[in-house]
PDB file of all heavy atoms in Angstrom:
ATOM      1  N   ALA A   1      -8.176 -11.670  13.639  1.00  0.00           N
ATOM      2  CA  ALA A   1      -7.749 -10.286  13.874  1.00  0.00           C
ATOM      3  C   ALA A   1      -8.954  -9.354  14.019  1.00  0.00           C
ATOM      4  O   ALA A   1      -8.918  -8.395  14.786  1.00  0.00           O
ATOM      5  CB  ALA A   1      -6.860  -9.813  12.725  1.00  0.00           C
ATOM      6  N   THR A   2     -10.018  -9.652  13.297  1.00  0.00           N
ATOM      7  CA  THR A   2     -11.214  -8.806  13.338  1.00  0.00           C
ATOM      8  C   THR A   2     -12.005  -9.022  14.630  1.00  0.00           C
ATOM      9  O   THR A   2     -12.598  -8.083  15.158  1.00  0.00           O
ATOM     10  CB  THR A   2     -12.108  -9.106  12.124  1.00  0.00           C
ATOM     11  OG1 THR A   2     -11.335  -8.922  10.929  1.00  0.00           O
ATOM     12  CG2 THR A   2     -13.314  -8.187  12.076  1.00  0.00           C
ATOM     13  N   PHE A   3     -12.002 -10.246  15.105  1.00  0.00           N
ATOM     14  CA  PHE A   3     -12.728 -10.596  16.337  1.00  0.00           C
ATOM     15  C   PHE A   3     -11.756 -11.146  17.372  1.00  0.00           C
ATOM     16  O   PHE A   3     -11.774 -12.347  17.686  1.00  0.00           O
ATOM     17  CB  PHE A   3     -13.828 -11.625  16.028  1.00  0.00           C
ATOM     18  CG  PHE A   3     -14.820 -11.178  15.013  1.00  0.00           C
ATOM     19  CD1 PHE A   3     -14.772 -11.661  13.707  1.00  0.00           C
ATOM     20  CD2 PHE A   3     -15.814 -10.265  15.337  1.00  0.00           C
ATOM     21  CE1 PHE A   3     -15.687 -11.251  12.752  1.00  0.00           C
ATOM     22  CE2 PHE A   3     -16.735  -9.844  14.391  1.00  0.00           C
ATOM     23  CZ  PHE A   3     -16.670 -10.332  13.088  1.00  0.00           C
ATOM     24  N   PRO A   4     -10.911 -10.293  17.939  1.00  0.00           N
ATOM     25  CA  PRO A   4      -9.869 -10.785  18.859  1.00  0.00           C
ATOM     26  C   PRO A   4     -10.421 -11.360  20.164  1.00  0.00           C
ATOM     27  O   PRO A   4      -9.706 -12.091  20.855  1.00  0.00           O
ATOM     28  CB  PRO A   4      -9.016  -9.539  19.121  1.00  0.00           C
ATOM     29  CG  PRO A   4      -9.921  -8.384  18.851  1.00  0.00           C
ATOM     30  CD  PRO A   4     -10.870  -8.845  17.784  1.00  0.00           C
ATOM     31  N   ASP A   5     -11.668 -11.055  20.506  1.00  0.00           N
ATOM     32  CA  ASP A   5     -12.248 -11.597  21.734  1.00  0.00           C
ATOM     33  C   ASP A   5     -12.634 -13.068  21.597  1.00  0.00           C
ATOM     34  O   ASP A   5     -12.863 -13.741  22.602  1.00  0.00           O
ATOM     35  CB  ASP A   5     -13.480 -10.784  22.150  1.00  0.00           C
ATOM     36  CG  ASP A   5     -13.126  -9.361  22.561  1.00  0.00           C
ATOM     37  OD1 ASP A   5     -11.936  -9.109  22.854  1.00  0.00           O
ATOM     38  OD2 ASP A   5     -14.029  -8.508  22.578  1.00  0.00           O
ATOM     39  N   LEU A   6     -12.712 -13.547  20.365  1.00  0.00           N
ATOM     40  CA  LEU A   6     -13.055 -14.953  20.141  1.00  0.00           C
ATOM     41  C   LEU A   6     -11.780 -15.788  20.104  1.00  0.00           C
ATOM     42  O   LEU A   6     -10.758 -15.337  19.584  1.00  0.00           O
ATOM     43  CB  LEU A   6     -13.814 -15.117  18.819  1.00  0.00           C
ATOM     44  CG  LEU A   6     -15.161 -14.405  18.715  1.00  0.00           C
ATOM     45  CD1 LEU A   6     -15.748 -14.585  17.317  1.00  0.00           C
ATOM     46  CD2 LEU A   6     -16.130 -14.918  19.758  1.00  0.00           C
ATOM     47  N   PRO A   7     -11.840 -16.999  20.601  1.00  0.00           N
ATOM     48  CA  PRO A   7     -10.648 -17.860  20.541  1.00  0.00           C
ATOM     49  C   PRO A   7     -10.294 -18.175  19.085  1.00  0.00           C
ATOM     50  O   PRO A   7     -11.174 -18.472  18.269  1.00  0.00           O
ATOM     51  CB  PRO A   7     -11.066 -19.130  21.276  1.00  0.00           C
ATOM     52  CG  PRO A   7     -12.423 -18.899  21.812  1.00  0.00           C
ATOM     53  CD  PRO A   7     -12.957 -17.624  21.275  1.00  0.00           C
ATOM     54  N   ALA A   8      -9.005 -18.126  18.757  1.00  0.00           N
ATOM     55  CA  ALA A   8      -8.547 -18.389  17.384  1.00  0.00           C
ATOM     56  C   ALA A   8      -8.936 -19.792  16.930  1.00  0.00           C
ATOM     57  O   ALA A   8      -9.176 -20.020  15.739  1.00  0.00           O
ATOM     58  CB  ALA A   8      -7.040 -18.183  17.293  1.00  0.00           C
ATOM     59  N   SER A   9      -9.045 -20.705  17.860  1.00  0.00           N
ATOM     60  CA  SER A   9      -9.403 -22.085  17.518  1.00  0.00           C
ATOM     61  C   SER A   9     -10.854 -22.209  17.038  1.00  0.00           C
ATOM     62  O   SER A   9     -11.242 -23.242  16.482  1.00  0.00           O
ATOM     63  CB  SER A   9      -9.186 -22.998  18.717  1.00  0.00           C
ATOM     64  OG  SER A   9     -10.026 -22.599  19.796  1.00  0.00           O
ATOM     65  N   LEU A  10     -11.643 -21.181  17.210  1.00  0.00           N
ATOM     66  CA  LEU A  10     -13.055 -21.206  16.829  1.00  0.00           C
ATOM     67  C   LEU A  10     -13.256 -21.037  15.322  1.00  0.00           C
ATOM     68  O   LEU A  10     -14.255 -21.502  14.774  1.00  0.00           O
ATOM     69  CB  LEU A  10     -13.793 -20.083  17.579  1.00  0.00           C
ATOM     70  CG  LEU A  10     -15.276 -19.927  17.322  1.00  0.00           C
ATOM     71  CD1 LEU A  10     -16.027 -21.075  17.985  1.00  0.00           C
ATOM     72  CD2 LEU A  10     -15.757 -18.607  17.883  1.00  0.00           C
ATOM     73  N   PHE A  11     -12.327 -20.401  14.632  1.00  0.00           N
ATOM     74  CA  PHE A  11     -12.561 -19.999  13.252  1.00  0.00           C
ATOM     75  C   PHE A  11     -12.559 -21.161  12.265  1.00  0.00           C
ATOM     76  O   PHE A  11     -13.410 -21.199  11.373  1.00  0.00           O
ATOM     77  CB  PHE A  11     -11.578 -18.896  12.849  1.00  0.00           C
ATOM     78  CG  PHE A  11     -11.888 -17.619  13.559  1.00  0.00           C
ATOM     79  CD1 PHE A  11     -11.297 -17.318  14.779  1.00  0.00           C
ATOM     80  CD2 PHE A  11     -12.833 -16.739  13.056  1.00  0.00           C
ATOM     81  CE1 PHE A  11     -11.620 -16.172  15.463  1.00  0.00           C
ATOM     82  CE2 PHE A  11     -13.164 -15.585  13.730  1.00  0.00           C
ATOM     83  CZ  PHE A  11     -12.554 -15.293  14.944  1.00  0.00           C
ATOM     84  N   GLU A  12     -11.656 -22.098  12.423  1.00  0.00           N
ATOM     85  CA  GLU A  12     -11.638 -23.227  11.478  1.00  0.00           C
ATOM     86  C   GLU A  12     -12.914 -24.064  11.545  1.00  0.00           C
ATOM     87  O   GLU A  12     -13.522 -24.335  10.512  1.00  0.00           O
ATOM     88  CB  GLU A  12     -10.409 -24.100  11.688  1.00  0.00           C
ATOM     89  CG  GLU A  12     -10.303 -25.187  10.633  1.00  0.00           C
ATOM     90  CD  GLU A  12      -9.055 -26.022  10.793  1.00  0.00           C
ATOM     91  OE1 GLU A  12      -8.104 -25.590  11.469  1.00  0.00           O
ATOM     92  OE2 GLU A  12      -9.046 -27.128  10.227  1.00  0.00           O
ATOM     93  N   PRO A  13     -13.386 -24.454  12.730  1.00  0.00           N
ATOM     94  CA  PRO A  13     -14.597 -25.283  12.754  1.00  0.00           C
ATOM     95  C   PRO A  13     -15.874 -24.532  12.372  1.00  0.00           C
ATOM     96  O   PRO A  13     -16.902 -25.161  12.108  1.00  0.00           O
ATOM     97  CB  PRO A  13     -14.671 -25.798  14.192  1.00  0.00           C
ATOM     98  CG  PRO A  13     -13.764 -24.951  14.990  1.00  0.00           C
ATOM     99  CD  PRO A  13     -12.770 -24.350  14.056  1.00  0.00           C
ATOM    100  N   THR A  14     -15.840 -23.215  12.343  1.00  0.00           N
ATOM    101  CA  THR A  14     -17.050 -22.445  11.999  1.00  0.00           C
ATOM    102  C   THR A  14     -16.982 -21.869  10.583  1.00  0.00           C
ATOM    103  O   THR A  14     -17.809 -21.027  10.223  1.00  0.00           O
ATOM    104  CB  THR A  14     -17.282 -21.316  13.014  1.00  0.00           C
ATOM    105  OG1 THR A  14     -16.146 -20.445  13.012  1.00  0.00           O
ATOM    106  CG2 THR A  14     -17.546 -21.855  14.405  1.00  0.00           C
ATOM    107  N   THR A  15     -16.041 -22.329   9.783  1.00  0.00           N
ATOM    108  CA  THR A  15     -15.882 -21.798   8.427  1.00  0.00           C
ATOM    109  C   THR A  15     -17.139 -22.011   7.584  1.00  0.00           C
ATOM    110  O   THR A  15     -17.584 -21.095   6.888  1.00  0.00           O
ATOM    111  CB  THR A  15     -14.661 -22.441   7.739  1.00  0.00           C
ATOM    112  OG1 THR A  15     -13.507 -22.099   8.497  1.00  0.00           O
ATOM    113  CG2 THR A  15     -14.490 -21.941   6.329  1.00  0.00           C
ATOM    114  N   ALA A  16     -17.719 -23.188   7.636  1.00  0.00           N
ATOM    115  CA  ALA A  16     -18.921 -23.459   6.840  1.00  0.00           C
ATOM    116  C   ALA A  16     -20.086 -22.581   7.292  1.00  0.00           C
ATOM    117  O   ALA A  16     -20.854 -22.082   6.464  1.00  0.00           O
ATOM    118  CB  ALA A  16     -19.296 -24.936   6.934  1.00  0.00           C
ATOM    119  N   MET A  17     -20.220 -22.377   8.597  1.00  0.00           N
ATOM    120  CA  MET A  17     -21.286 -21.522   9.111  1.00  0.00           C
ATOM    121  C   MET A  17     -21.102 -20.077   8.640  1.00  0.00           C
ATOM    122  O   MET A  17     -22.047 -19.427   8.211  1.00  0.00           O
ATOM    123  CB  MET A  17     -21.307 -21.559  10.641  1.00  0.00           C
ATOM    124  CG  MET A  17     -22.386 -20.689  11.249  1.00  0.00           C
ATOM    125  SD  MET A  17     -22.101 -20.337  12.995  1.00  0.00           S
ATOM    126  CE  MET A  17     -20.685 -19.279  12.918  1.00  0.00           C
ATOM    127  N   ALA A  18     -19.867 -19.589   8.697  1.00  0.00           N
ATOM    128  CA  ALA A  18     -19.594 -18.223   8.258  1.00  0.00           C
ATOM    129  C   ALA A  18     -19.866 -18.071   6.759  1.00  0.00           C
ATOM    130  O   ALA A  18     -20.415 -17.056   6.321  1.00  0.00           O
ATOM    131  CB  ALA A  18     -18.153 -17.840   8.587  1.00  0.00           C
ATOM    132  N   ALA A  19     -19.500 -19.082   5.983  1.00  0.00           N
ATOM    133  CA  ALA A  19     -19.758 -19.034   4.544  1.00  0.00           C
ATOM    134  C   ALA A  19     -21.263 -19.026   4.276  1.00  0.00           C
ATOM    135  O   ALA A  19     -21.741 -18.312   3.391  1.00  0.00           O
ATOM    136  CB  ALA A  19     -19.091 -20.216   3.852  1.00  0.00           C
ATOM    137  N   ASN A  20     -22.014 -19.807   5.042  1.00  0.00           N
ATOM    138  CA  ASN A  20     -23.467 -19.824   4.894  1.00  0.00           C
ATOM    139  C   ASN A  20     -24.058 -18.445   5.188  1.00  0.00           C
ATOM    140  O   ASN A  20     -24.921 -17.954   4.458  1.00  0.00           O
ATOM    141  CB  ASN A  20     -24.065 -20.882   5.822  1.00  0.00           C
ATOM    142  CG  ASN A  20     -25.532 -21.096   5.570  1.00  0.00           C
ATOM    143  OD1 ASN A  20     -25.955 -21.286   4.441  1.00  0.00           O
ATOM    144  ND2 ASN A  20     -26.318 -21.072   6.641  1.00  0.00           N
ATOM    145  N   GLN A  21     -23.577 -17.809   6.244  1.00  0.00           N
ATOM    146  CA  GLN A  21     -24.040 -16.452   6.548  1.00  0.00           C
ATOM    147  C   GLN A  21     -23.626 -15.484   5.442  1.00  0.00           C
ATOM    148  O   GLN A  21     -24.362 -14.551   5.109  1.00  0.00           O
ATOM    149  CB  GLN A  21     -23.480 -15.994   7.891  1.00  0.00           C
ATOM    150  CG  GLN A  21     -24.089 -16.720   9.055  1.00  0.00           C
ATOM    151  CD  GLN A  21     -23.460 -16.313  10.381  1.00  0.00           C
ATOM    152  OE1 GLN A  21     -22.426 -15.668  10.438  1.00  0.00           O
ATOM    153  NE2 GLN A  21     -24.101 -16.710  11.466  1.00  0.00           N
ATOM    154  N   GLY A  22     -22.443 -15.725   4.876  1.00  0.00           N
ATOM    155  CA  GLY A  22     -21.992 -14.897   3.765  1.00  0.00           C
ATOM    156  C   GLY A  22     -22.919 -14.996   2.568  1.00  0.00           C
ATOM    157  O   GLY A  22     -23.205 -13.995   1.905  1.00  0.00           O
ATOM    158  N   ILE A  23     -23.406 -16.200   2.298  1.00  0.00           N
ATOM    159  CA  ILE A  23     -24.342 -16.377   1.177  1.00  0.00           C
ATOM    160  C   ILE A  23     -25.635 -15.602   1.439  1.00  0.00           C
ATOM    161  O   ILE A  23     -26.179 -14.964   0.540  1.00  0.00           O
ATOM    162  CB  ILE A  23     -24.629 -17.878   0.933  1.00  0.00           C
ATOM    163  CG1 ILE A  23     -23.364 -18.582   0.447  1.00  0.00           C
ATOM    164  CG2 ILE A  23     -25.782 -18.072  -0.037  1.00  0.00           C
ATOM    165  CD1 ILE A  23     -22.836 -18.109  -0.891  1.00  0.00           C
ATOM    166  N   TYR A  24     -26.125 -15.627   2.662  1.00  0.00           N
ATOM    167  CA  TYR A  24     -27.325 -14.844   2.993  1.00  0.00           C
ATOM    168  C   TYR A  24     -27.077 -13.353   2.746  1.00  0.00           C
ATOM    169  O   TYR A  24     -27.919 -12.653   2.183  1.00  0.00           O
ATOM    170  CB  TYR A  24     -27.746 -15.060   4.454  1.00  0.00           C
ATOM    171  CG  TYR A  24     -28.517 -16.322   4.672  1.00  0.00           C
ATOM    172  CD1 TYR A  24     -27.900 -17.451   5.196  1.00  0.00           C
ATOM    173  CD2 TYR A  24     -29.861 -16.396   4.358  1.00  0.00           C
ATOM    174  CE1 TYR A  24     -28.609 -18.621   5.395  1.00  0.00           C
ATOM    175  CE2 TYR A  24     -30.579 -17.558   4.558  1.00  0.00           C
ATOM    176  CZ  TYR A  24     -29.956 -18.672   5.075  1.00  0.00           C
ATOM    177  OH  TYR A  24     -30.656 -19.820   5.272  1.00  0.00           O
ATOM    178  N   ASN A  25     -25.929 -12.873   3.152  1.00  0.00           N
ATOM    179  CA  ASN A  25     -25.610 -11.464   2.937  1.00  0.00           C
ATOM    180  C   ASN A  25     -25.451 -11.151   1.456  1.00  0.00           C
ATOM    181  O   ASN A  25     -25.828 -10.069   1.000  1.00  0.00           O
ATOM    182  CB  ASN A  25     -24.349 -11.083   3.721  1.00  0.00           C
ATOM    183  CG  ASN A  25     -24.677 -10.860   5.178  1.00  0.00           C
ATOM    184  OD1 ASN A  25     -25.216  -9.837   5.545  1.00  0.00           O
ATOM    185  ND2 ASN A  25     -24.371 -11.843   6.009  1.00  0.00           N
ATOM    186  N   LEU A  26     -24.915 -12.094   0.704  1.00  0.00           N
ATOM    187  CA  LEU A  26     -24.808 -11.919  -0.744  1.00  0.00           C
ATOM    188  C   LEU A  26     -26.195 -11.809  -1.373  1.00  0.00           C
ATOM    189  O   LEU A  26     -26.421 -10.976  -2.264  1.00  0.00           O
ATOM    190  CB  LEU A  26     -24.030 -13.088  -1.349  1.00  0.00           C
ATOM    191  CG  LEU A  26     -23.728 -13.009  -2.837  1.00  0.00           C
ATOM    192  CD1 LEU A  26     -22.848 -11.805  -3.153  1.00  0.00           C
ATOM    193  CD2 LEU A  26     -23.052 -14.294  -3.289  1.00  0.00           C
TER     194      LEU A  26
END
């Protein structure tokens, strides 16, 4: 919902990458 321009199928396989970026931001 936040990134509607990205395909919805992209979010599940990139979960670990997003979490890694989240740790950097933390």
